[in-house]
PDB file of N, CA and C in Angstrom:
ATOM      1  N   MET A   1      59.184 152.723 148.034  1.00  0.00           N
ATOM      2  CA  MET A   1      59.026 152.466 149.448  1.00  0.00           C
ATOM      3  C   MET A   1      58.450 151.062 149.615  1.00  0.00           C
ATOM      4  N   SER A   2      59.081 150.305 150.499  1.00  0.00           N
ATOM      5  CA  SER A   2      58.611 148.937 150.719  1.00  0.00           C
ATOM      6  C   SER A   2      57.345 148.952 151.585  1.00  0.00           C
ATOM      7  N   MET A   3      56.658 147.840 151.588  1.00  0.00           N
ATOM      8  CA  MET A   3      55.444 147.699 152.394  1.00  0.00           C
ATOM      9  C   MET A   3      55.775 147.878 153.879  1.00  0.00           C
ATOM     10  N   TYR A   4      56.932 147.346 154.299  1.00  0.00           N
ATOM     11  CA  TYR A   4      57.359 147.475 155.687  1.00  0.00           C
ATOM     12  C   TYR A   4      57.588 148.949 156.042  1.00  0.00           C
ATOM     13  N   GLN A   5      58.266 149.688 155.160  1.00  0.00           N
ATOM     14  CA  GLN A   5      58.530 151.112 155.416  1.00  0.00           C
ATOM     15  C   GLN A   5      57.227 151.906 155.480  1.00  0.00           C
ATOM     16  N   ARG A   6      56.312 151.563 154.585  1.00  0.00           N
ATOM     17  CA  ARG A   6      55.014 152.246 154.582  1.00  0.00           C
ATOM     18  C   ARG A   6      54.269 151.984 155.889  1.00  0.00           C
ATOM     19  N   GLU A   7      54.255 150.750 156.330  1.00  0.00           N
ATOM     20  CA  GLU A   7      53.598 150.382 157.587  1.00  0.00           C
ATOM     21  C   GLU A   7      54.266 151.086 158.769  1.00  0.00           C
ATOM     22  N   GLN A   8      55.575 151.174 158.725  1.00  0.00           N
ATOM     23  CA  GLN A   8      56.323 151.856 159.788  1.00  0.00           C
ATOM     24  C   GLN A   8      55.964 153.346 159.838  1.00  0.00           C
ATOM     25  N   LYS A   9      55.858 153.986 158.684  1.00  0.00           N
ATOM     26  CA  LYS A   9      55.493 155.409 158.627  1.00  0.00           C
ATOM     27  C   LYS A   9      54.061 155.639 159.102  1.00  0.00           C
ATOM     28  N   LEU A  10      53.141 154.747 158.723  1.00  0.00           N
ATOM     29  CA  LEU A  10      51.760 154.860 159.202  1.00  0.00           C
ATOM     30  C   LEU A  10      51.690 154.692 160.717  1.00  0.00           C
ATOM     31  N   ASN A  11      52.502 153.799 161.250  1.00  0.00           N
ATOM     32  CA  ASN A  11      52.548 153.594 162.690  1.00  0.00           C
ATOM     33  C   ASN A  11      53.099 154.838 163.396  1.00  0.00           C
ATOM     34  N   GLN A  12      54.123 155.454 162.825  1.00  0.00           N
ATOM     35  CA  GLN A  12      54.666 156.693 163.392  1.00  0.00           C
ATOM     36  C   GLN A  12      53.624 157.812 163.351  1.00  0.00           C
ATOM     37  N   LEU A  13      52.905 157.895 162.257  1.00  0.00           N
ATOM     38  CA  LEU A  13      51.850 158.896 162.126  1.00  0.00           C
ATOM     39  C   LEU A  13      50.748 158.653 163.157  1.00  0.00           C
ATOM     40  N   TYR A  14      50.380 157.394 163.348  1.00  0.00           N
ATOM     41  CA  TYR A  14      49.373 157.042 164.348  1.00  0.00           C
ATOM     42  C   TYR A  14      49.757 157.610 165.716  1.00  0.00           C
ATOM     43  N   TRP A  15      51.008 157.352 166.133  1.00  0.00           N
ATOM     44  CA  TRP A  15      51.442 157.811 167.453  1.00  0.00           C
ATOM     45  C   TRP A  15      51.543 159.330 167.524  1.00  0.00           C
ATOM     46  N   ALA A  16      51.974 159.962 166.456  1.00  0.00           N
ATOM     47  CA  ALA A  16      52.058 161.428 166.432  1.00  0.00           C
ATOM     48  C   ALA A  16      50.665 162.047 166.560  1.00  0.00           C
ATOM     49  N   VAL A  17      49.704 161.512 165.817  1.00  0.00           N
ATOM     50  CA  VAL A  17      48.330 162.028 165.870  1.00  0.00           C
ATOM     51  C   VAL A  17      47.721 161.737 167.237  1.00  0.00           C
ATOM     52  N   ARG A  18      47.935 160.540 167.734  1.00  0.00           N
ATOM     53  CA  ARG A  18      47.375 160.147 169.035  1.00  0.00           C
ATOM     54  C   ARG A  18      47.868 161.060 170.150  1.00  0.00           C
ATOM     55  N   PHE A  19      49.179 161.275 170.226  1.00  0.00           N
ATOM     56  CA  PHE A  19      49.708 162.122 171.294  1.00  0.00           C
ATOM     57  C   PHE A  19      49.435 163.601 171.038  1.00  0.00           C
ATOM     58  N   GLY A  20      49.325 163.983 169.775  1.00  0.00           N
ATOM     59  CA  GLY A  20      48.935 165.352 169.465  1.00  0.00           C
ATOM     60  C   GLY A  20      47.529 165.656 169.969  1.00  0.00           C
ATOM     61  N   LEU A  21      46.607 164.742 169.739  1.00  0.00           N
ATOM     62  CA  LEU A  21      45.241 164.932 170.237  1.00  0.00           C
ATOM     63  C   LEU A  21      45.183 164.860 171.759  1.00  0.00           C
ATOM     64  N   ALA A  22      45.973 163.970 172.349  1.00  0.00           N
ATOM     65  CA  ALA A  22      46.030 163.908 173.819  1.00  0.00           C
ATOM     66  C   ALA A  22      46.462 165.259 174.373  1.00  0.00           C
ATOM     67  N   PHE A  23      47.471 165.843 173.751  1.00  0.00           N
ATOM     68  CA  PHE A  23      47.949 167.164 174.193  1.00  0.00           C
ATOM     69  C   PHE A  23      46.850 168.212 174.067  1.00  0.00           C
ATOM     70  N   ILE A  24      46.136 168.229 172.941  1.00  0.00           N
ATOM     71  CA  ILE A  24      45.067 169.224 172.742  1.00  0.00           C
ATOM     72  C   ILE A  24      44.021 169.112 173.846  1.00  0.00           C
ATOM     73  N   TRP A  25      43.562 167.899 174.142  1.00  0.00           N
ATOM     74  CA  TRP A  25      42.537 167.715 175.180  1.00  0.00           C
ATOM     75  C   TRP A  25      43.051 168.153 176.548  1.00  0.00           C
ATOM     76  N   ILE A  26      44.249 167.721 176.908  1.00  0.00           N
ATOM     77  CA  ILE A  26      44.800 168.052 178.229  1.00  0.00           C
ATOM     78  C   ILE A  26      45.072 169.551 178.340  1.00  0.00           C
ATOM     79  N   TRP A  27      45.660 170.128 177.322  1.00  0.00           N
ATOM     80  CA  TRP A  27      45.957 171.563 177.327  1.00  0.00           C
ATOM     81  C   TRP A  27      44.661 172.379 177.423  1.00  0.00           C
ATOM     82  N   THR A  28      43.638 171.958 176.709  1.00  0.00           N
ATOM     83  CA  THR A  28      42.356 172.653 176.761  1.00  0.00           C
ATOM     84  C   THR A  28      41.792 172.621 178.180  1.00  0.00           C
ATOM     85  N   ALA A  29      41.871 171.479 178.843  1.00  0.00           N
ATOM     86  CA  ALA A  29      41.374 171.370 180.216  1.00  0.00           C
ATOM     87  C   ALA A  29      42.130 172.304 181.153  1.00  0.00           C
ATOM     88  N   ILE A  30      43.446 172.305 181.047  1.00  0.00           N
ATOM     89  CA  ILE A  30      44.281 173.140 181.923  1.00  0.00           C
ATOM     90  C   ILE A  30      44.023 174.618 181.672  1.00  0.00           C
ATOM     91  N   VAL A  31      44.040 175.022 180.419  1.00  0.00           N
ATOM     92  CA  VAL A  31      43.838 176.430 180.088  1.00  0.00           C
ATOM     93  C   VAL A  31      42.433 176.882 180.488  1.00  0.00           C
ATOM     94  N   SER A  32      41.439 176.056 180.200  1.00  0.00           N
ATOM     95  CA  SER A  32      40.056 176.430 180.500  1.00  0.00           C
ATOM     96  C   SER A  32      39.817 176.622 181.986  1.00  0.00           C
ATOM     97  N   TRP A  33      40.445 175.802 182.817  1.00  0.00           N
ATOM     98  CA  TRP A  33      40.176 175.891 184.247  1.00  0.00           C
ATOM     99  C   TRP A  33      41.137 176.830 184.986  1.00  0.00           C
ATOM    100  N   PHE A  34      42.420 176.834 184.608  1.00  0.00           N
ATOM    101  CA  PHE A  34      43.419 177.562 185.392  1.00  0.00           C
ATOM    102  C   PHE A  34      43.914 178.869 184.775  1.00  0.00           C
ATOM    103  N   ILE A  35      43.822 179.028 183.468  1.00  0.00           N
ATOM    104  CA  ILE A  35      44.485 180.170 182.831  1.00  0.00           C
ATOM    105  C   ILE A  35      43.499 181.155 182.219  1.00  0.00           C
ATOM    106  N   TYR A  36      42.579 180.665 181.397  1.00  0.00           N
ATOM    107  CA  TYR A  36      41.651 181.555 180.701  1.00  0.00           C
ATOM    108  C   TYR A  36      40.667 182.159 181.706  1.00  0.00           C
ATOM    109  N   PRO A  37      40.286 183.421 181.514  1.00  0.00           N
ATOM    110  CA  PRO A  37      39.343 184.036 182.454  1.00  0.00           C
ATOM    111  C   PRO A  37      38.014 183.268 182.519  1.00  0.00           C
ATOM    112  N   GLN A  38      37.712 182.708 183.676  1.00  0.00           N
ATOM    113  CA  GLN A  38      36.503 181.910 183.821  1.00  0.00           C
ATOM    114  C   GLN A  38      35.240 182.730 183.594  1.00  0.00           C
ATOM    115  N   ALA A  39      35.305 184.010 183.908  1.00  0.00           N
ATOM    116  CA  ALA A  39      34.124 184.861 183.705  1.00  0.00           C
ATOM    117  C   ALA A  39      33.707 184.863 182.236  1.00  0.00           C
ATOM    118  N   GLU A  40      34.681 184.881 181.345  1.00  0.00           N
ATOM    119  CA  GLU A  40      34.365 184.858 179.911  1.00  0.00           C
ATOM    120  C   GLU A  40      33.801 183.505 179.483  1.00  0.00           C
ATOM    121  N   SER A  41      34.402 182.442 179.983  1.00  0.00           N
ATOM    122  CA  SER A  41      33.891 181.102 179.666  1.00  0.00           C
ATOM    123  C   SER A  41      32.464 180.932 180.189  1.00  0.00           C
ATOM    124  N   LEU A  42      32.201 181.429 181.371  1.00  0.00           N
ATOM    125  CA  LEU A  42      30.858 181.332 181.948  1.00  0.00           C
ATOM    126  C   LEU A  42      29.857 182.154 181.142  1.00  0.00           C
ATOM    127  N   MET A  43      30.296 183.305 180.645  1.00  0.00           N
ATOM    128  CA  MET A  43      29.426 184.120 179.793  1.00  0.00           C
ATOM    129  C   MET A  43      29.052 183.340 178.530  1.00  0.00           C
ATOM    130  N   TRP A  44      30.043 182.650 177.919  1.00  0.00           N
ATOM    131  CA  TRP A  44      29.766 181.855 176.714  1.00  0.00           C
ATOM    132  C   TRP A  44      28.796 180.727 177.026  1.00  0.00           C
ATOM    133  N   LEU A  45      28.987 180.074 178.166  1.00  0.00           N
ATOM    134  CA  LEU A  45      28.065 178.999 178.546  1.00  0.00           C
ATOM    135  C   LEU A  45      26.648 179.537 178.683  1.00  0.00           C
ATOM    136  N   ARG A  46      26.513 180.690 179.297  1.00  0.00           N
ATOM    137  CA  ARG A  46      25.181 181.285 179.430  1.00  0.00           C
ATOM    138  C   ARG A  46      24.586 181.620 178.065  1.00  0.00           C
ATOM    139  N   LYS A  47      25.438 182.109 177.148  1.00  0.00           N
ATOM    140  CA  LYS A  47      24.951 182.460 175.801  1.00  0.00           C
ATOM    141  C   LYS A  47      24.442 181.238 175.042  1.00  0.00           C
ATOM    142  N   VAL A  48      25.007 180.066 175.318  1.00  0.00           N
ATOM    143  CA  VAL A  48      24.550 178.859 174.619  1.00  0.00           C
ATOM    144  C   VAL A  48      23.419 178.171 175.375  1.00  0.00           C
ATOM    145  N   GLY A  49      22.972 178.768 176.482  1.00  0.00           N
ATOM    146  CA  GLY A  49      21.817 178.248 177.188  1.00  0.00           C
ATOM    147  C   GLY A  49      22.097 177.508 178.477  1.00  0.00           C
ATOM    148  N   VAL A  50      23.345 177.446 178.906  1.00  0.00           N
ATOM    149  CA  VAL A  50      23.679 176.780 180.160  1.00  0.00           C
ATOM    150  C   VAL A  50      23.573 177.819 181.275  1.00  0.00           C
ATOM    151  N   THR A  51      22.403 177.866 181.913  1.00  0.00           N
ATOM    152  CA  THR A  51      22.182 178.863 182.959  1.00  0.00           C
ATOM    153  C   THR A  51      22.143 178.245 184.352  1.00  0.00           C
ATOM    154  N   TYR A  52      21.942 176.935 184.441  1.00  0.00           N
ATOM    155  CA  TYR A  52      21.920 176.258 185.736  1.00  0.00           C
ATOM    156  C   TYR A  52      23.330 175.798 186.087  1.00  0.00           C
ATOM    157  N   GLN A  53      23.885 176.349 187.119  1.00  0.00           N
ATOM    158  CA  GLN A  53      25.214 176.006 187.628  1.00  0.00           C
ATOM    159  C   GLN A  53      26.294 175.963 186.542  1.00  0.00           C
ATOM    160  N   PRO A  54      26.511 177.067 185.851  1.00  0.00           N
ATOM    161  CA  PRO A  54      27.503 177.065 184.771  1.00  0.00           C
ATOM    162  C   PRO A  54      28.928 176.743 185.244  1.00  0.00           C
ATOM    163  N   VAL A  55      29.257 177.062 186.502  1.00  0.00           N
ATOM    164  CA  VAL A  55      30.595 176.724 187.008  1.00  0.00           C
ATOM    165  C   VAL A  55      30.772 175.209 187.047  1.00  0.00           C
ATOM    166  N   MET A  56      29.729 174.502 187.455  1.00  0.00           N
ATOM    167  CA  MET A  56      29.804 173.040 187.487  1.00  0.00           C
ATOM    168  C   MET A  56      29.904 172.465 186.073  1.00  0.00           C
ATOM    169  N   TRP A  57      29.190 173.072 185.131  1.00  0.00           N
ATOM    170  CA  TRP A  57      29.278 172.626 183.734  1.00  0.00           C
ATOM    171  C   TRP A  57      30.682 172.862 183.187  1.00  0.00           C
ATOM    172  N   LEU A  58      31.264 174.011 183.521  1.00  0.00           N
ATOM    173  CA  LEU A  58      32.635 174.299 183.071  1.00  0.00           C
ATOM    174  C   LEU A  58      33.600 173.291 183.675  1.00  0.00           C
ATOM    175  N   MET A  59      33.449 173.025 184.969  1.00  0.00           N
ATOM    176  CA  MET A  59      34.310 172.045 185.618  1.00  0.00           C
ATOM    177  C   MET A  59      34.129 170.669 184.973  1.00  0.00           C
ATOM    178  N   GLY A  60      32.885 170.301 184.708  1.00  0.00           N
ATOM    179  CA  GLY A  60      32.624 169.011 184.065  1.00  0.00           C
ATOM    180  C   GLY A  60      33.257 168.917 182.687  1.00  0.00           C
ATOM    181  N   ALA A  61      33.157 170.001 181.922  1.00  0.00           N
ATOM    182  CA  ALA A  61      33.764 170.016 180.587  1.00  0.00           C
ATOM    183  C   ALA A  61      35.285 169.893 180.689  1.00  0.00           C
ATOM    184  N   CYS A  62      35.868 170.582 181.659  1.00  0.00           N
ATOM    185  CA  CYS A  62      37.328 170.498 181.849  1.00  0.00           C
ATOM    186  C   CYS A  62      37.745 169.086 182.253  1.00  0.00           C
ATOM    187  N   LEU A  63      36.991 168.479 183.154  1.00  0.00           N
ATOM    188  CA  LEU A  63      37.302 167.106 183.567  1.00  0.00           C
ATOM    189  C   LEU A  63      37.122 166.122 182.413  1.00  0.00           C
ATOM    190  N   PHE A  64      36.090 166.346 181.598  1.00  0.00           N
ATOM    191  CA  PHE A  64      35.889 165.508 180.418  1.00  0.00           C
ATOM    192  C   PHE A  64      37.073 165.648 179.468  1.00  0.00           C
ATOM    193  N   ASP A  65      37.491 166.894 179.206  1.00  0.00           N
ATOM    194  CA  ASP A  65      38.626 167.118 178.317  1.00  0.00           C
ATOM    195  C   ASP A  65      39.884 166.445 178.860  1.00  0.00           C
ATOM    196  N   LEU A  66      40.115 166.575 180.166  1.00  0.00           N
ATOM    197  CA  LEU A  66      41.277 165.933 180.782  1.00  0.00           C
ATOM    198  C   LEU A  66      41.194 164.416 180.640  1.00  0.00           C
ATOM    199  N   ALA A  67      40.021 163.858 180.886  1.00  0.00           N
ATOM    200  CA  ALA A  67      39.835 162.407 180.754  1.00  0.00           C
ATOM    201  C   ALA A  67      40.076 161.942 179.317  1.00  0.00           C
ATOM    202  N   MET A  68      39.609 162.714 178.345  1.00  0.00           N
ATOM    203  CA  MET A  68      39.820 162.347 176.939  1.00  0.00           C
ATOM    204  C   MET A  68      41.304 162.400 176.583  1.00  0.00           C
ATOM    205  N   GLY A  69      42.014 163.371 177.144  1.00  0.00           N
ATOM    206  CA  GLY A  69      43.457 163.451 176.898  1.00  0.00           C
ATOM    207  C   GLY A  69      44.194 162.265 177.478  1.00  0.00           C
ATOM    208  N   ILE A  70      43.868 161.916 178.708  1.00  0.00           N
ATOM    209  CA  ILE A  70      44.501 160.761 179.355  1.00  0.00           C
ATOM    210  C   ILE A  70      44.141 159.479 178.612  1.00  0.00           C
ATOM    211  N   ALA A  71      42.877 159.349 178.241  1.00  0.00           N
ATOM    212  CA  ALA A  71      42.450 158.159 177.490  1.00  0.00           C
ATOM    213  C   ALA A  71      43.170 158.074 176.153  1.00  0.00           C
ATOM    214  N   SER A  72      43.354 159.208 175.490  1.00  0.00           N
ATOM    215  CA  SER A  72      44.064 159.213 174.201  1.00  0.00           C
ATOM    216  C   SER A  72      45.491 158.717 174.357  1.00  0.00           C
ATOM    217  N   ALA A  73      46.132 159.128 175.423  1.00  0.00           N
ATOM    218  CA  ALA A  73      47.535 158.765 175.627  1.00  0.00           C
ATOM    219  C   ALA A  73      47.708 157.323 176.093  1.00  0.00           C
ATOM    220  N   PHE A  74      46.805 156.863 176.979  1.00  0.00           N
ATOM    221  CA  PHE A  74      47.061 155.587 177.648  1.00  0.00           C
ATOM    222  C   PHE A  74      46.037 154.482 177.396  1.00  0.00           C
ATOM    223  N   PHE A  75      44.844 154.826 176.930  1.00  0.00           N
ATOM    224  CA  PHE A  75      43.780 153.825 176.814  1.00  0.00           C
ATOM    225  C   PHE A  75      43.068 153.906 175.464  1.00  0.00           C
ATOM    226  N   ALA A  76      43.802 154.070 174.414  1.00  0.00           N
ATOM    227  CA  ALA A  76      43.198 154.252 173.092  1.00  0.00           C
ATOM    228  C   ALA A  76      42.336 153.064 172.703  1.00  0.00           C
ATOM    229  N   SER A  77      41.214 153.396 172.069  1.00  0.00           N
ATOM    230  CA  SER A  77      40.318 152.371 171.541  1.00  0.00           C
ATOM    231  C   SER A  77      39.386 153.036 170.546  1.00  0.00           C
ATOM    232  N   LYS A  78      38.714 152.216 169.776  1.00  0.00           N
ATOM    233  CA  LYS A  78      37.753 152.779 168.817  1.00  0.00           C
ATOM    234  C   LYS A  78      36.672 153.579 169.545  1.00  0.00           C
ATOM    235  N   ARG A  79      36.250 153.113 170.702  1.00  0.00           N
ATOM    236  CA  ARG A  79      35.209 153.825 171.460  1.00  0.00           C
ATOM    237  C   ARG A  79      35.682 155.211 171.910  1.00  0.00           C
ATOM    238  N   ILE A  80      36.938 155.310 172.285  1.00  0.00           N
ATOM    239  CA  ILE A  80      37.486 156.619 172.686  1.00  0.00           C
ATOM    240  C   ILE A  80      37.445 157.575 171.498  1.00  0.00           C
ATOM    241  N   TRP A  81      37.890 157.105 170.330  1.00  0.00           N
ATOM    242  CA  TRP A  81      37.902 157.980 169.143  1.00  0.00           C
ATOM    243  C   TRP A  81      36.480 158.332 168.724  1.00  0.00           C
ATOM    244  N   GLN A  82      35.557 157.391 168.842  1.00  0.00           N
ATOM    245  CA  GLN A  82      34.157 157.673 168.501  1.00  0.00           C
ATOM    246  C   GLN A  82      33.568 158.713 169.456  1.00  0.00           C
ATOM    247  N   ALA A  83      33.850 158.564 170.741  1.00  0.00           N
ATOM    248  CA  ALA A  83      33.349 159.531 171.730  1.00  0.00           C
ATOM    249  C   ALA A  83      33.916 160.921 171.453  1.00  0.00           C
ATOM    250  N   GLN A  84      35.199 160.983 171.140  1.00  0.00           N
ATOM    251  CA  GLN A  84      35.817 162.276 170.845  1.00  0.00           C
ATOM    252  C   GLN A  84      35.238 162.879 169.577  1.00  0.00           C
ATOM    253  N   LEU A  85      35.022 162.061 168.594  1.00  0.00           N
ATOM    254  CA  LEU A  85      34.443 162.531 167.337  1.00  0.00           C
ATOM    255  C   LEU A  85      33.068 163.150 167.594  1.00  0.00           C
ATOM    256  N   LEU A  86      32.245 162.464 168.358  1.00  0.00           N
ATOM    257  CA  LEU A  86      30.917 162.995 168.674  1.00  0.00           C
ATOM    258  C   LEU A  86      31.011 164.299 169.459  1.00  0.00           C
ATOM    259  N   MET A  87      31.925 164.360 170.429  1.00  0.00           N
ATOM    260  CA  MET A  87      32.046 165.580 171.231  1.00  0.00           C
ATOM    261  C   MET A  87      32.566 166.757 170.417  1.00  0.00           C
ATOM    262  N   VAL A  88      33.555 166.520 169.577  1.00  0.00           N
ATOM    263  CA  VAL A  88      34.094 167.613 168.754  1.00  0.00           C
ATOM    264  C   VAL A  88      33.008 168.138 167.813  1.00  0.00           C
ATOM    265  N   ILE A  89      32.260 167.235 167.215  1.00  0.00           N
ATOM    266  CA  ILE A  89      31.180 167.658 166.318  1.00  0.00           C
ATOM    267  C   ILE A  89      30.096 168.388 167.112  1.00  0.00           C
ATOM    268  N   PHE A  90      29.729 167.863 168.269  1.00  0.00           N
ATOM    269  CA  PHE A  90      28.723 168.510 169.115  1.00  0.00           C
ATOM    270  C   PHE A  90      29.184 169.902 169.545  1.00  0.00           C
ATOM    271  N   TYR A  91      30.397 169.995 170.114  1.00  0.00           N
ATOM    272  CA  TYR A  91      30.939 171.296 170.535  1.00  0.00           C
ATOM    273  C   TYR A  91      30.937 172.271 169.358  1.00  0.00           C
ATOM    274  N   SER A  92      31.406 171.813 168.217  1.00  0.00           N
ATOM    275  CA  SER A  92      31.528 172.680 167.037  1.00  0.00           C
ATOM    276  C   SER A  92      30.163 173.191 166.581  1.00  0.00           C
ATOM    277  N   LEU A  93      29.168 172.296 166.537  1.00  0.00           N
ATOM    278  CA  LEU A  93      27.829 172.704 166.110  1.00  0.00           C
ATOM    279  C   LEU A  93      27.199 173.700 167.080  1.00  0.00           C
ATOM    280  N   VAL A  94      27.313 173.426 168.371  1.00  0.00           N
ATOM    281  CA  VAL A  94      26.743 174.337 169.364  1.00  0.00           C
ATOM    282  C   VAL A  94      27.397 175.710 169.252  1.00  0.00           C
ATOM    283  N   ILE A  95      28.703 175.733 169.175  1.00  0.00           N
ATOM    284  CA  ILE A  95      29.407 177.016 169.095  1.00  0.00           C
ATOM    285  C   ILE A  95      29.092 177.721 167.780  1.00  0.00           C
ATOM    286  N   ALA A  96      29.072 176.985 166.679  1.00  0.00           N
ATOM    287  CA  ALA A  96      28.774 177.601 165.379  1.00  0.00           C
ATOM    288  C   ALA A  96      27.381 178.211 165.357  1.00  0.00           C
ATOM    289  N   LEU A  97      26.424 177.532 165.985  1.00  0.00           N
ATOM    290  CA  LEU A  97      25.043 178.028 165.976  1.00  0.00           C
ATOM    291  C   LEU A  97      24.795 179.127 167.006  1.00  0.00           C
ATOM    292  N   GLU A  98      25.387 178.986 168.178  1.00  0.00           N
ATOM    293  CA  GLU A  98      25.094 179.916 169.267  1.00  0.00           C
ATOM    294  C   GLU A  98      26.133 181.032 169.431  1.00  0.00           C
ATOM    295  N   LEU A  99      27.345 180.798 168.965  1.00  0.00           N
ATOM    296  CA  LEU A  99      28.420 181.800 169.049  1.00  0.00           C
ATOM    297  C   LEU A  99      29.082 181.933 167.673  1.00  0.00           C
ATOM    298  N   PRO A 100      28.310 182.334 166.666  1.00  0.00           N
ATOM    299  CA  PRO A 100      28.822 182.322 165.290  1.00  0.00           C
ATOM    300  C   PRO A 100      30.034 183.219 165.053  1.00  0.00           C
ATOM    301  N   GLU A 101      30.306 184.139 165.967  1.00  0.00           N
ATOM    302  CA  GLU A 101      31.497 184.982 165.805  1.00  0.00           C
ATOM    303  C   GLU A 101      32.774 184.152 165.774  1.00  0.00           C
ATOM    304  N   PHE A 102      32.735 182.950 166.359  1.00  0.00           N
ATOM    305  CA  PHE A 102      33.911 182.092 166.345  1.00  0.00           C
ATOM    306  C   PHE A 102      34.161 181.463 164.974  1.00  0.00           C
ATOM    307  N   LEU A 103      33.153 181.425 164.132  1.00  0.00           N
ATOM    308  CA  LEU A 103      33.353 180.917 162.771  1.00  0.00           C
ATOM    309  C   LEU A 103      34.260 181.841 161.965  1.00  0.00           C
ATOM    310  N   PHE A 104      34.271 183.108 162.334  1.00  0.00           N
ATOM    311  CA  PHE A 104      35.037 184.100 161.589  1.00  0.00           C
ATOM    312  C   PHE A 104      36.219 184.639 162.384  1.00  0.00           C
ATOM    313  N   HIS A 105      36.556 183.962 163.461  1.00  0.00           N
ATOM    314  CA  HIS A 105      37.697 184.355 164.281  1.00  0.00           C
ATOM    315  C   HIS A 105      38.978 184.082 163.498  1.00  0.00           C
ATOM    316  N   PRO A 106      39.936 185.015 163.518  1.00  0.00           N
ATOM    317  CA  PRO A 106      41.159 184.818 162.709  1.00  0.00           C
ATOM    318  C   PRO A 106      41.992 183.602 163.107  1.00  0.00           C
ATOM    319  N   PHE A 107      41.863 183.124 164.338  1.00  0.00           N
ATOM    320  CA  PHE A 107      42.625 181.941 164.750  1.00  0.00           C
ATOM    321  C   PHE A 107      41.862 180.646 164.511  1.00  0.00           C
ATOM    322  N   GLY A 108      40.632 180.741 164.016  1.00  0.00           N
ATOM    323  CA  GLY A 108      39.859 179.574 163.606  1.00  0.00           C
ATOM    324  C   GLY A 108      39.587 178.539 164.672  1.00  0.00           C
ATOM    325  N   PRO A 109      39.102 178.932 165.866  1.00  0.00           N
ATOM    326  CA  PRO A 109      38.887 177.923 166.903  1.00  0.00           C
ATOM    327  C   PRO A 109      37.873 176.848 166.521  1.00  0.00           C
ATOM    328  N   ILE A 110      36.961 177.153 165.620  1.00  0.00           N
ATOM    329  CA  ILE A 110      35.990 176.147 165.190  1.00  0.00           C
ATOM    330  C   ILE A 110      36.438 175.476 163.901  1.00  0.00           C
ATOM    331  N   THR A 111      36.902 176.262 162.949  1.00  0.00           N
ATOM    332  CA  THR A 111      37.287 175.680 161.662  1.00  0.00           C
ATOM    333  C   THR A 111      38.468 174.716 161.793  1.00  0.00           C
ATOM    334  N   LYS A 112      39.306 174.902 162.811  1.00  0.00           N
ATOM    335  CA  LYS A 112      40.411 173.957 163.021  1.00  0.00           C
ATOM    336  C   LYS A 112      39.912 172.585 163.435  1.00  0.00           C
ATOM    337  N   ASN A 113      38.683 172.534 163.928  1.00  0.00           N
ATOM    338  CA  ASN A 113      38.129 171.235 164.309  1.00  0.00           C
ATOM    339  C   ASN A 113      37.929 170.319 163.109  1.00  0.00           C
ATOM    340  N   ILE A 114      37.900 170.878 161.919  1.00  0.00           N
ATOM    341  CA  ILE A 114      37.826 170.036 160.716  1.00  0.00           C
ATOM    342  C   ILE A 114      39.051 169.133 160.647  1.00  0.00           C
ATOM    343  N   ALA A 115      40.220 169.687 160.958  1.00  0.00           N
ATOM    344  CA  ALA A 115      41.451 168.881 160.975  1.00  0.00           C
ATOM    345  C   ALA A 115      41.417 167.867 162.114  1.00  0.00           C
ATOM    346  N   VAL A 116      40.887 168.258 163.260  1.00  0.00           N
ATOM    347  CA  VAL A 116      40.781 167.339 164.394  1.00  0.00           C
ATOM    348  C   VAL A 116      39.868 166.165 164.027  1.00  0.00           C
ATOM    349  N   VAL A 117      38.758 166.443 163.372  1.00  0.00           N
ATOM    350  CA  VAL A 117      37.849 165.375 162.929  1.00  0.00           C
ATOM    351  C   VAL A 117      38.581 164.436 161.970  1.00  0.00           C
ATOM    352  N   GLY A 118      39.362 165.001 161.053  1.00  0.00           N
ATOM    353  CA  GLY A 118      40.148 164.177 160.137  1.00  0.00           C
ATOM    354  C   GLY A 118      41.118 163.277 160.882  1.00  0.00           C
ATOM    355  N   CYS A 119      41.788 163.820 161.892  1.00  0.00           N
ATOM    356  CA  CYS A 119      42.717 163.022 162.699  1.00  0.00           C
ATOM    357  C   CYS A 119      41.977 161.912 163.446  1.00  0.00           C
ATOM    358  N   LEU A 120      40.813 162.231 163.968  1.00  0.00           N
ATOM    359  CA  LEU A 120      40.044 161.211 164.685  1.00  0.00           C
ATOM    360  C   LEU A 120      39.574 160.092 163.761  1.00  0.00           C
ATOM    361  N   PHE A 121      39.199 160.440 162.532  1.00  0.00           N
ATOM    362  CA  PHE A 121      38.837 159.393 161.570  1.00  0.00           C
ATOM    363  C   PHE A 121      40.044 158.510 161.269  1.00  0.00           C
ATOM    364  N   TYR A 122      41.214 159.118 161.131  1.00  0.00           N
ATOM    365  CA  TYR A 122      42.435 158.342 160.895  1.00  0.00           C
ATOM    366  C   TYR A 122      42.680 157.367 162.055  1.00  0.00           C
ATOM    367  N   LEU A 123      42.586 157.865 163.285  1.00  0.00           N
ATOM    368  CA  LEU A 123      42.810 157.001 164.448  1.00  0.00           C
ATOM    369  C   LEU A 123      41.769 155.890 164.514  1.00  0.00           C
ATOM    370  N   LEU A 124      40.541 156.226 164.197  1.00  0.00           N
ATOM    371  CA  LEU A 124      39.470 155.230 164.200  1.00  0.00           C
ATOM    372  C   LEU A 124      39.748 154.122 163.187  1.00  0.00           C
ATOM    373  N   ILE A 125      40.232 154.503 162.020  1.00  0.00           N
ATOM    374  CA  ILE A 125      40.553 153.521 160.984  1.00  0.00           C
ATOM    375  C   ILE A 125      41.750 152.668 161.383  1.00  0.00           C
ATOM    376  N   MET A 126      42.751 153.304 162.001  1.00  0.00           N
ATOM    377  CA  MET A 126      43.991 152.610 162.321  1.00  0.00           C
ATOM    378  C   MET A 126      43.922 151.776 163.604  1.00  0.00           C
ATOM    379  N   GLU A 127      42.956 152.093 164.480  1.00  0.00           N
ATOM    380  CA  GLU A 127      42.916 151.432 165.783  1.00  0.00           C
ATOM    381  C   GLU A 127      42.660 149.940 165.631  1.00  0.00           C
ATOM    382  N   LYS A 128      43.451 149.163 166.319  1.00  0.00           N
ATOM    383  CA  LYS A 128      43.348 147.709 166.222  1.00  0.00           C
ATOM    384  C   LYS A 128      42.344 147.143 167.210  1.00  0.00           C
ATOM    385  N   ARG A 129      42.079 147.868 168.320  1.00  0.00           N
ATOM    386  CA  ARG A 129      41.114 147.355 169.301  1.00  0.00           C
ATOM    387  C   ARG A 129      39.821 148.115 169.183  1.00  0.00           C
TER     388      ARG A 129
END
């Protein structure tokens, strides 16, 4: 494989990972606010200690997720990937500590974040700005 072909494949991977993460953030925002039962999400927020206006916190989290998805698609930068990395790690730690049943969930909602962190490190390394 030539250097040009390798660079071309890395560039294709960059865009695939970038838009894949954009989709995850946007889909999470939509599902969390419009599809998934809010009563259950609010119960989880209360379990992790969010007792003051949990509906507003849920809305804020959904708006943050939507903003991260839009930023991933249209405004990529090292700061965006760093912010996402911190949020994914923060979300994962809070859920692992306060809702440990998700660590052993068969669909791996927390353990899959290991792959997301890997993708974010890749984007951080590849980002030119």
